[in-house]
Amino acid sequence: MAFPELPDAFLNEFGVTCQIGAGTAFLGILDSPMDVIAGGMALSREYLLTAKTSDVSTTARGTSITVDSASYIVRENRPIDDGVFSELLLSKV
């Protein structure tokens, strides 16, 4: 499903500042962390960042990224829906 408004307008309203390495800053939306649980024990805590695909298209697994002054490592990068946005699965450093 495509977003009904322009990506920049959407991110300007809801986004936080992000930066990949020493690259250019961009806006993304960081969702609340989710815990991966097996057998009643938390295995890991994952974070999901939504950003424009054009800003994160070359971001690979293991890349360092800063989101709103906190450091994370990219675990997965996947385009969603029509490809305008991508989701990055992150782990906090």
PDB file of N, CA and C in Angstrom:
ATOM      1  N   MET A   1       0.842  -1.181   0.000  1.00  0.00           N
ATOM      2  CA  MET A   1       0.000   0.000   0.000  1.00  0.00           C
ATOM      3  C   MET A   1       0.882   1.238   0.000  1.00  0.00           C
ATOM      4  N   ALA A   2       0.668   2.132  -0.923  1.00  0.00           N
ATOM      5  CA  ALA A   2       1.449   3.361  -1.033  1.00  0.00           C
ATOM      6  C   ALA A   2       0.981   4.384   0.005  1.00  0.00           C
ATOM      7  N   PHE A   3       1.921   5.218   0.445  1.00  0.00           N
ATOM      8  CA  PHE A   3       1.570   6.296   1.370  1.00  0.00           C
ATOM      9  C   PHE A   3       0.823   7.383   0.605  1.00  0.00           C
ATOM     10  N   PRO A   4      -0.228   7.962   1.201  1.00  0.00           N
ATOM     11  CA  PRO A   4      -1.033   8.958   0.495  1.00  0.00           C
ATOM     12  C   PRO A   4      -0.390  10.343   0.398  1.00  0.00           C
ATOM     13  N   GLU A   5       0.745  10.559   1.041  1.00  0.00           N
ATOM     14  CA  GLU A   5       1.411  11.853   0.965  1.00  0.00           C
ATOM     15  C   GLU A   5       2.855  11.659   0.504  1.00  0.00           C
ATOM     16  N   LEU A   6       3.505  12.738   0.165  1.00  0.00           N
ATOM     17  CA  LEU A   6       4.888  12.658  -0.291  1.00  0.00           C
ATOM     18  C   LEU A   6       5.792  12.156   0.837  1.00  0.00           C
ATOM     19  N   PRO A   7       6.784  11.331   0.493  1.00  0.00           N
ATOM     20  CA  PRO A   7       7.662  10.766   1.533  1.00  0.00           C
ATOM     21  C   PRO A   7       8.337  11.825   2.399  1.00  0.00           C
ATOM     22  N   ASP A   8       8.815  12.916   1.798  1.00  0.00           N
ATOM     23  CA  ASP A   8       9.504  13.947   2.585  1.00  0.00           C
ATOM     24  C   ASP A   8       8.572  14.614   3.584  1.00  0.00           C
ATOM     25  N   ALA A   9       7.330  14.863   3.192  1.00  0.00           N
ATOM     26  CA  ALA A   9       6.365  15.480   4.102  1.00  0.00           C
ATOM     27  C   ALA A   9       6.068  14.541   5.272  1.00  0.00           C
ATOM     28  N   PHE A  10       5.918  13.261   4.989  1.00  0.00           N
ATOM     29  CA  PHE A  10       5.664  12.263   6.020  1.00  0.00           C
ATOM     30  C   PHE A  10       6.833  12.193   7.008  1.00  0.00           C
ATOM     31  N   LEU A  11       8.066  12.133   6.491  1.00  0.00           N
ATOM     32  CA  LEU A  11       9.243  12.040   7.348  1.00  0.00           C
ATOM     33  C   LEU A  11       9.497  13.343   8.119  1.00  0.00           C
ATOM     34  N   ASN A  12       9.229  14.477   7.517  1.00  0.00           N
ATOM     35  CA  ASN A  12       9.415  15.758   8.214  1.00  0.00           C
ATOM     36  C   ASN A  12       8.495  15.854   9.424  1.00  0.00           C
ATOM     37  N   GLU A  13       7.329  15.215   9.343  1.00  0.00           N
ATOM     38  CA  GLU A  13       6.371  15.280  10.440  1.00  0.00           C
ATOM     39  C   GLU A  13       6.694  14.279  11.552  1.00  0.00           C
ATOM     40  N   PHE A  14       7.150  13.083  11.186  1.00  0.00           N
ATOM     41  CA  PHE A  14       7.308  12.011  12.163  1.00  0.00           C
ATOM     42  C   PHE A  14       8.744  11.534  12.368  1.00  0.00           C
ATOM     43  N   GLY A  15       9.673  11.936  11.520  1.00  0.00           N
ATOM     44  CA  GLY A  15      11.026  11.377  11.530  1.00  0.00           C
ATOM     45  C   GLY A  15      11.972  11.967  12.556  1.00  0.00           C
ATOM     46  N   VAL A  16      13.051  11.213  12.797  1.00  0.00           N
ATOM     47  CA  VAL A  16      14.159  11.651  13.637  1.00  0.00           C
ATOM     48  C   VAL A  16      15.429  11.624  12.789  1.00  0.00           C
ATOM     49  N   THR A  17      16.457  12.330  13.223  1.00  0.00           N
ATOM     50  CA  THR A  17      17.700  12.407  12.460  1.00  0.00           C
ATOM     51  C   THR A  17      18.467  11.097  12.538  1.00  0.00           C
ATOM     52  N   CYS A  18      18.934  10.642  11.372  1.00  0.00           N
ATOM     53  CA  CYS A  18      19.704   9.397  11.248  1.00  0.00           C
ATOM     54  C   CYS A  18      20.948   9.680  10.413  1.00  0.00           C
ATOM     55  N   GLN A  19      21.973   8.851  10.601  1.00  0.00           N
ATOM     56  CA  GLN A  19      23.192   8.993   9.815  1.00  0.00           C
ATOM     57  C   GLN A  19      23.878   7.644   9.706  1.00  0.00           C
ATOM     58  N   ILE A  20      24.290   7.295   8.490  1.00  0.00           N
ATOM     59  CA  ILE A  20      25.014   6.056   8.250  1.00  0.00           C
ATOM     60  C   ILE A  20      26.492   6.401   8.223  1.00  0.00           C
ATOM     61  N   GLY A  21      27.249   5.852   9.184  1.00  0.00           N
ATOM     62  CA  GLY A  21      28.675   6.167   9.272  1.00  0.00           C
ATOM     63  C   GLY A  21      28.887   7.668   9.359  1.00  0.00           C
ATOM     64  N   ALA A  22      29.786   8.187   8.506  1.00  0.00           N
ATOM     65  CA  ALA A  22      30.057   9.622   8.467  1.00  0.00           C
ATOM     66  C   ALA A  22      29.303  10.278   7.309  1.00  0.00           C
ATOM     67  N   GLY A  23      28.297   9.577   6.778  1.00  0.00           N
ATOM     68  CA  GLY A  23      27.553  10.073   5.621  1.00  0.00           C
ATOM     69  C   GLY A  23      26.599  11.202   5.950  1.00  0.00           C
ATOM     70  N   THR A  24      25.827  11.566   4.969  1.00  0.00           N
ATOM     71  CA  THR A  24      24.853  12.646   5.072  1.00  0.00           C
ATOM     72  C   THR A  24      23.686  12.240   5.973  1.00  0.00           C
ATOM     73  N   ALA A  25      23.190  13.165   6.753  1.00  0.00           N
ATOM     74  CA  ALA A  25      22.047  12.910   7.626  1.00  0.00           C
ATOM     75  C   ALA A  25      20.769  12.791   6.803  1.00  0.00           C
ATOM     76  N   PHE A  26      19.844  11.981   7.296  1.00  0.00           N
ATOM     77  CA  PHE A  26      18.536  11.817   6.670  1.00  0.00           C
ATOM     78  C   PHE A  26      17.519  11.583   7.780  1.00  0.00           C
ATOM     79  N   LEU A  27      16.249  11.518   7.426  1.00  0.00           N
ATOM     80  CA  LEU A  27      15.197  11.300   8.415  1.00  0.00           C
ATOM     81  C   LEU A  27      14.661   9.881   8.329  1.00  0.00           C
ATOM     82  N   GLY A  28      14.334   9.316   9.490  1.00  0.00           N
ATOM     83  CA  GLY A  28      13.738   7.989   9.556  1.00  0.00           C
ATOM     84  C   GLY A  28      12.805   7.903  10.750  1.00  0.00           C
ATOM     85  N   ILE A  29      11.984   6.879  10.766  1.00  0.00           N
ATOM     86  CA  ILE A  29      11.038   6.664  11.858  1.00  0.00           C
ATOM     87  C   ILE A  29      11.437   5.386  12.577  1.00  0.00           C
ATOM     88  N   LEU A  30      11.804   5.515  13.854  1.00  0.00           N
ATOM     89  CA  LEU A  30      12.228   4.381  14.660  1.00  0.00           C
ATOM     90  C   LEU A  30      11.048   3.878  15.480  1.00  0.00           C
ATOM     91  N   ASP A  31      10.673   2.613  15.250  1.00  0.00           N
ATOM     92  CA  ASP A  31       9.584   2.008  16.013  1.00  0.00           C
ATOM     93  C   ASP A  31      10.089   1.512  17.358  1.00  0.00           C
ATOM     94  N   SER A  32       9.175   1.350  18.277  1.00  0.00           N
ATOM     95  CA  SER A  32       9.501   0.836  19.598  1.00  0.00           C
ATOM     96  C   SER A  32      10.206  -0.504  19.486  1.00  0.00           C
ATOM     97  N   PRO A  33      11.102  -0.789  20.410  1.00  0.00           N
ATOM     98  CA  PRO A  33      11.819  -2.065  20.333  1.00  0.00           C
ATOM     99  C   PRO A  33      10.883  -3.240  20.560  1.00  0.00           C
ATOM    100  N   MET A  34      11.243  -4.365  19.946  1.00  0.00           N
ATOM    101  CA  MET A  34      10.504  -5.602  20.184  1.00  0.00           C
ATOM    102  C   MET A  34      11.500  -6.656  20.647  1.00  0.00           C
ATOM    103  N   ASP A  35      11.093  -7.435  21.601  1.00  0.00           N
ATOM    104  CA  ASP A  35      11.955  -8.493  22.131  1.00  0.00           C
ATOM    105  C   ASP A  35      11.662  -9.795  21.403  1.00  0.00           C
ATOM    106  N   VAL A  36      12.715 -10.489  21.003  1.00  0.00           N
ATOM    107  CA  VAL A  36      12.588 -11.813  20.419  1.00  0.00           C
ATOM    108  C   VAL A  36      12.691 -12.800  21.569  1.00  0.00           C
ATOM    109  N   ILE A  37      11.620 -13.563  21.787  1.00  0.00           N
ATOM    110  CA  ILE A  37      11.537 -14.442  22.950  1.00  0.00           C
ATOM    111  C   ILE A  37      11.367 -15.890  22.497  1.00  0.00           C
ATOM    112  N   ALA A  38      12.113 -16.776  23.134  1.00  0.00           N
ATOM    113  CA  ALA A  38      11.971 -18.214  22.890  1.00  0.00           C
ATOM    114  C   ALA A  38      12.061 -18.927  24.233  1.00  0.00           C
ATOM    115  N   GLY A  39      11.133 -19.805  24.479  1.00  0.00           N
ATOM    116  CA  GLY A  39      11.152 -20.551  25.733  1.00  0.00           C
ATOM    117  C   GLY A  39      11.028 -19.673  26.961  1.00  0.00           C
ATOM    118  N   GLY A  40      10.353 -18.532  26.825  1.00  0.00           N
ATOM    119  CA  GLY A  40      10.162 -17.628  27.952  1.00  0.00           C
ATOM    120  C   GLY A  40      11.349 -16.745  28.268  1.00  0.00           C
ATOM    121  N   MET A  41      12.415 -16.809  27.440  1.00  0.00           N
ATOM    122  CA  MET A  41      13.603 -15.988  27.672  1.00  0.00           C
ATOM    123  C   MET A  41      13.804 -15.039  26.499  1.00  0.00           C
ATOM    124  N   ALA A  42      14.172 -13.799  26.806  1.00  0.00           N
ATOM    125  CA  ALA A  42      14.448 -12.814  25.759  1.00  0.00           C
ATOM    126  C   ALA A  42      15.787 -13.144  25.106  1.00  0.00           C
ATOM    127  N   LEU A  43      15.784 -13.327  23.795  1.00  0.00           N
ATOM    128  CA  LEU A  43      17.007 -13.634  23.063  1.00  0.00           C
ATOM    129  C   LEU A  43      17.694 -12.380  22.550  1.00  0.00           C
ATOM    130  N   SER A  44      16.886 -11.432  22.115  1.00  0.00           N
ATOM    131  CA  SER A  44      17.450 -10.177  21.603  1.00  0.00           C
ATOM    132  C   SER A  44      16.376  -9.107  21.583  1.00  0.00           C
ATOM    133  N   ARG A  45      16.815  -7.875  21.436  1.00  0.00           N
ATOM    134  CA  ARG A  45      15.903  -6.736  21.297  1.00  0.00           C
ATOM    135  C   ARG A  45      16.175  -6.131  19.934  1.00  0.00           C
ATOM    136  N   GLU A  46      15.122  -5.993  19.123  1.00  0.00           N
ATOM    137  CA  GLU A  46      15.262  -5.481  17.768  1.00  0.00           C
ATOM    138  C   GLU A  46      14.523  -4.155  17.624  1.00  0.00           C
ATOM    139  N   TYR A  47      15.054  -3.325  16.747  1.00  0.00           N
ATOM    140  CA  TYR A  47      14.464  -2.026  16.452  1.00  0.00           C
ATOM    141  C   TYR A  47      14.206  -1.966  14.952  1.00  0.00           C
ATOM    142  N   LEU A  48      13.170  -1.257  14.544  1.00  0.00           N
ATOM    143  CA  LEU A  48      12.811  -1.161  13.138  1.00  0.00           C
ATOM    144  C   LEU A  48      12.815   0.306  12.720  1.00  0.00           C
ATOM    145  N   LEU A  49      13.643   0.630  11.733  1.00  0.00           N
ATOM    146  CA  LEU A  49      13.743   1.991  11.214  1.00  0.00           C
ATOM    147  C   LEU A  49      13.141   2.027   9.815  1.00  0.00           C
ATOM    148  N   THR A  50      12.207   2.934   9.581  1.00  0.00           N
ATOM    149  CA  THR A  50      11.627   3.142   8.258  1.00  0.00           C
ATOM    150  C   THR A  50      12.216   4.417   7.689  1.00  0.00           C
ATOM    151  N   ALA A  51      12.769   4.341   6.477  1.00  0.00           N
ATOM    152  CA  ALA A  51      13.399   5.492   5.830  1.00  0.00           C
ATOM    153  C   ALA A  51      13.178   5.393   4.323  1.00  0.00           C
ATOM    154  N   LYS A  52      13.433   6.499   3.623  1.00  0.00           N
ATOM    155  CA  LYS A  52      13.329   6.456   2.163  1.00  0.00           C
ATOM    156  C   LYS A  52      14.392   5.505   1.622  1.00  0.00           C
ATOM    157  N   THR A  53      13.989   4.666   0.694  1.00  0.00           N
ATOM    158  CA  THR A  53      14.916   3.711   0.092  1.00  0.00           C
ATOM    159  C   THR A  53      16.106   4.425  -0.525  1.00  0.00           C
ATOM    160  N   SER A  54      15.898   5.583  -1.113  1.00  0.00           N
ATOM    161  CA  SER A  54      17.003   6.321  -1.728  1.00  0.00           C
ATOM    162  C   SER A  54      18.063   6.734  -0.708  1.00  0.00           C
ATOM    163  N   ASP A  55      17.689   6.859   0.562  1.00  0.00           N
ATOM    164  CA  ASP A  55      18.643   7.225   1.615  1.00  0.00           C
ATOM    165  C   ASP A  55      19.405   6.026   2.170  1.00  0.00           C
ATOM    166  N   VAL A  56      18.822   4.828   2.054  1.00  0.00           N
ATOM    167  CA  VAL A  56      19.425   3.655   2.703  1.00  0.00           C
ATOM    168  C   VAL A  56      19.665   2.485   1.745  1.00  0.00           C
ATOM    169  N   SER A  57      19.559   2.714   0.458  1.00  0.00           N
ATOM    170  CA  SER A  57      19.614   1.615  -0.514  1.00  0.00           C
ATOM    171  C   SER A  57      20.915   0.822  -0.483  1.00  0.00           C
ATOM    172  N   THR A  58      22.028   1.441  -0.121  1.00  0.00           N
ATOM    173  CA  THR A  58      23.310   0.744  -0.103  1.00  0.00           C
ATOM    174  C   THR A  58      23.713   0.273   1.295  1.00  0.00           C
ATOM    175  N   THR A  59      22.829   0.408   2.257  1.00  0.00           N
ATOM    176  CA  THR A  59      23.120   0.026   3.634  1.00  0.00           C
ATOM    177  C   THR A  59      23.027  -1.489   3.779  1.00  0.00           C
ATOM    178  N   ALA A  60      24.145  -2.114   4.124  1.00  0.00           N
ATOM    179  CA  ALA A  60      24.221  -3.568   4.215  1.00  0.00           C
ATOM    180  C   ALA A  60      24.266  -4.030   5.661  1.00  0.00           C
ATOM    181  N   ARG A  61      24.067  -5.317   5.850  1.00  0.00           N
ATOM    182  CA  ARG A  61      24.166  -5.944   7.167  1.00  0.00           C
ATOM    183  C   ARG A  61      25.528  -5.612   7.782  1.00  0.00           C
ATOM    184  N   GLY A  62      25.513  -5.236   9.067  1.00  0.00           N
ATOM    185  CA  GLY A  62      26.746  -4.926   9.775  1.00  0.00           C
ATOM    186  C   GLY A  62      27.148  -3.461   9.728  1.00  0.00           C
ATOM    187  N   THR A  63      26.424  -2.656   8.975  1.00  0.00           N
ATOM    188  CA  THR A  63      26.723  -1.227   8.874  1.00  0.00           C
ATOM    189  C   THR A  63      26.314  -0.512  10.162  1.00  0.00           C
ATOM    190  N   SER A  64      27.154   0.421  10.616  1.00  0.00           N
ATOM    191  CA  SER A  64      26.825   1.242  11.785  1.00  0.00           C
ATOM    192  C   SER A  64      25.913   2.381  11.362  1.00  0.00           C
ATOM    193  N   ILE A  65      24.925   2.667  12.196  1.00  0.00           N
ATOM    194  CA  ILE A  65      23.995   3.755  11.912  1.00  0.00           C
ATOM    195  C   ILE A  65      23.654   4.448  13.229  1.00  0.00           C
ATOM    196  N   THR A  66      23.515   5.765  13.187  1.00  0.00           N
ATOM    197  CA  THR A  66      23.112   6.547  14.347  1.00  0.00           C
ATOM    198  C   THR A  66      21.691   7.030  14.125  1.00  0.00           C
ATOM    199  N   VAL A  67      20.848   6.797  15.112  1.00  0.00           N
ATOM    200  CA  VAL A  67      19.446   7.221  15.040  1.00  0.00           C
ATOM    201  C   VAL A  67      19.151   8.036  16.283  1.00  0.00           C
ATOM    202  N   ASP A  68      18.884   9.314  16.077  1.00  0.00           N
ATOM    203  CA  ASP A  68      18.554  10.212  17.193  1.00  0.00           C
ATOM    204  C   ASP A  68      19.600  10.102  18.304  1.00  0.00           C
ATOM    205  N   SER A  69      20.878  10.136  17.909  1.00  0.00           N
ATOM    206  CA  SER A  69      22.055  10.120  18.793  1.00  0.00           C
ATOM    207  C   SER A  69      22.367   8.762  19.436  1.00  0.00           C
ATOM    208  N   ALA A  70      21.646   7.704  19.097  1.00  0.00           N
ATOM    209  CA  ALA A  70      21.938   6.364  19.619  1.00  0.00           C
ATOM    210  C   ALA A  70      22.559   5.516  18.507  1.00  0.00           C
ATOM    211  N   SER A  71      23.476   4.618  18.872  1.00  0.00           N
ATOM    212  CA  SER A  71      24.193   3.800  17.891  1.00  0.00           C
ATOM    213  C   SER A  71      23.539   2.430  17.721  1.00  0.00           C
ATOM    214  N   TYR A  72      23.449   2.001  16.463  1.00  0.00           N
ATOM    215  CA  TYR A  72      22.858   0.717  16.105  1.00  0.00           C
ATOM    216  C   TYR A  72      23.706   0.046  15.034  1.00  0.00           C
ATOM    217  N   ILE A  73      23.456  -1.247  14.833  1.00  0.00           N
ATOM    218  CA  ILE A  73      24.043  -2.016  13.739  1.00  0.00           C
ATOM    219  C   ILE A  73      22.890  -2.544  12.889  1.00  0.00           C
ATOM    220  N   VAL A  74      23.020  -2.456  11.574  1.00  0.00           N
ATOM    221  CA  VAL A  74      21.979  -2.940  10.662  1.00  0.00           C
ATOM    222  C   VAL A  74      22.047  -4.459  10.598  1.00  0.00           C
ATOM    223  N   ARG A  75      20.910  -5.105  10.813  1.00  0.00           N
ATOM    224  CA  ARG A  75      20.810  -6.567  10.704  1.00  0.00           C
ATOM    225  C   ARG A  75      20.195  -6.970   9.373  1.00  0.00           C
ATOM    226  N   GLU A  76      19.284  -6.138   8.865  1.00  0.00           N
ATOM    227  CA  GLU A  76      18.616  -6.447   7.598  1.00  0.00           C
ATOM    228  C   GLU A  76      18.081  -5.156   6.999  1.00  0.00           C
ATOM    229  N   ASN A  77      18.079  -5.082   5.671  1.00  0.00           N
ATOM    230  CA  ASN A  77      17.556  -3.930   4.943  1.00  0.00           C
ATOM    231  C   ASN A  77      16.641  -4.464   3.853  1.00  0.00           C
ATOM    232  N   ARG A  78      15.364  -4.079   3.906  1.00  0.00           N
ATOM    233  CA  ARG A  78      14.420  -4.583   2.908  1.00  0.00           C
ATOM    234  C   ARG A  78      13.454  -3.488   2.454  1.00  0.00           C
ATOM    235  N   PRO A  79      13.259  -3.348   1.137  1.00  0.00           N
ATOM    236  CA  PRO A  79      12.262  -2.401   0.644  1.00  0.00           C
ATOM    237  C   PRO A  79      10.860  -2.896   0.987  1.00  0.00           C
ATOM    238  N   ILE A  80       9.940  -1.957   1.191  1.00  0.00           N
ATOM    239  CA  ILE A  80       8.562  -2.335   1.499  1.00  0.00           C
ATOM    240  C   ILE A  80       7.606  -1.756   0.460  1.00  0.00           C
ATOM    241  N   ASP A  81       6.496  -2.413   0.301  1.00  0.00           N
ATOM    242  CA  ASP A  81       5.412  -1.995  -0.584  1.00  0.00           C
ATOM    243  C   ASP A  81       5.897  -1.607  -1.969  1.00  0.00           C
ATOM    244  N   ASP A  82       5.746  -0.338  -2.333  1.00  0.00           N
ATOM    245  CA  ASP A  82       6.093   0.113  -3.683  1.00  0.00           C
ATOM    246  C   ASP A  82       7.566   0.488  -3.823  1.00  0.00           C
ATOM    247  N   GLY A  83       8.367   0.292  -2.767  1.00  0.00           N
ATOM    248  CA  GLY A  83       9.802   0.539  -2.838  1.00  0.00           C
ATOM    249  C   GLY A  83      10.240   1.951  -2.502  1.00  0.00           C
ATOM    250  N   VAL A  84       9.312   2.849  -2.198  1.00  0.00           N
ATOM    251  CA  VAL A  84       9.682   4.219  -1.823  1.00  0.00           C
ATOM    252  C   VAL A  84      10.364   4.211  -0.453  1.00  0.00           C
ATOM    253  N   PHE A  85       9.869   3.360   0.442  1.00  0.00           N
ATOM    254  CA  PHE A  85      10.439   3.238   1.779  1.00  0.00           C
ATOM    255  C   PHE A  85      11.091   1.874   1.946  1.00  0.00           C
ATOM    256  N   SER A  86      12.064   1.815   2.856  1.00  0.00           N
ATOM    257  CA  SER A  86      12.695   0.559   3.259  1.00  0.00           C
ATOM    258  C   SER A  86      12.623   0.450   4.769  1.00  0.00           C
ATOM    259  N   GLU A  87      12.653  -0.797   5.259  1.00  0.00           N
ATOM    260  CA  GLU A  87      12.729  -1.069   6.688  1.00  0.00           C
ATOM    261  C   GLU A  87      14.112  -1.619   6.990  1.00  0.00           C
ATOM    262  N   LEU A  88      14.727  -1.062   8.007  1.00  0.00           N
ATOM    263  CA  LEU A  88      16.019  -1.558   8.470  1.00  0.00           C
ATOM    264  C   LEU A  88      15.799  -2.176   9.845  1.00  0.00           C
ATOM    265  N   LEU A  89      16.137  -3.440   9.975  1.00  0.00           N
ATOM    266  CA  LEU A  89      16.089  -4.111  11.260  1.00  0.00           C
ATOM    267  C   LEU A  89      17.420  -3.831  11.950  1.00  0.00           C
ATOM    268  N   LEU A  90      17.375  -3.255  13.153  1.00  0.00           N
ATOM    269  CA  LEU A  90      18.572  -2.794  13.856  1.00  0.00           C
ATOM    270  C   LEU A  90      18.745  -3.477  15.196  1.00  0.00           C
ATOM    271  N   SER A  91      19.987  -3.549  15.641  1.00  0.00           N
ATOM    272  CA  SER A  91      20.333  -3.955  16.997  1.00  0.00           C
ATOM    273  C   SER A  91      21.108  -2.803  17.627  1.00  0.00           C
ATOM    274  N   LYS A  92      20.760  -2.487  18.876  1.00  0.00           N
ATOM    275  CA  LYS A  92      21.442  -1.392  19.570  1.00  0.00           C
ATOM    276  C   LYS A  92      22.842  -1.834  19.984  1.00  0.00           C
ATOM    277  N   VAL A  93      23.790  -0.904  19.826  1.00  0.00           N
ATOM    278  CA  VAL A  93      25.181  -1.202  20.193  1.00  0.00           C
ATOM    279  C   VAL A  93      25.389  -0.900  21.653  1.00  0.00           C
TER     280      VAL A  93
END
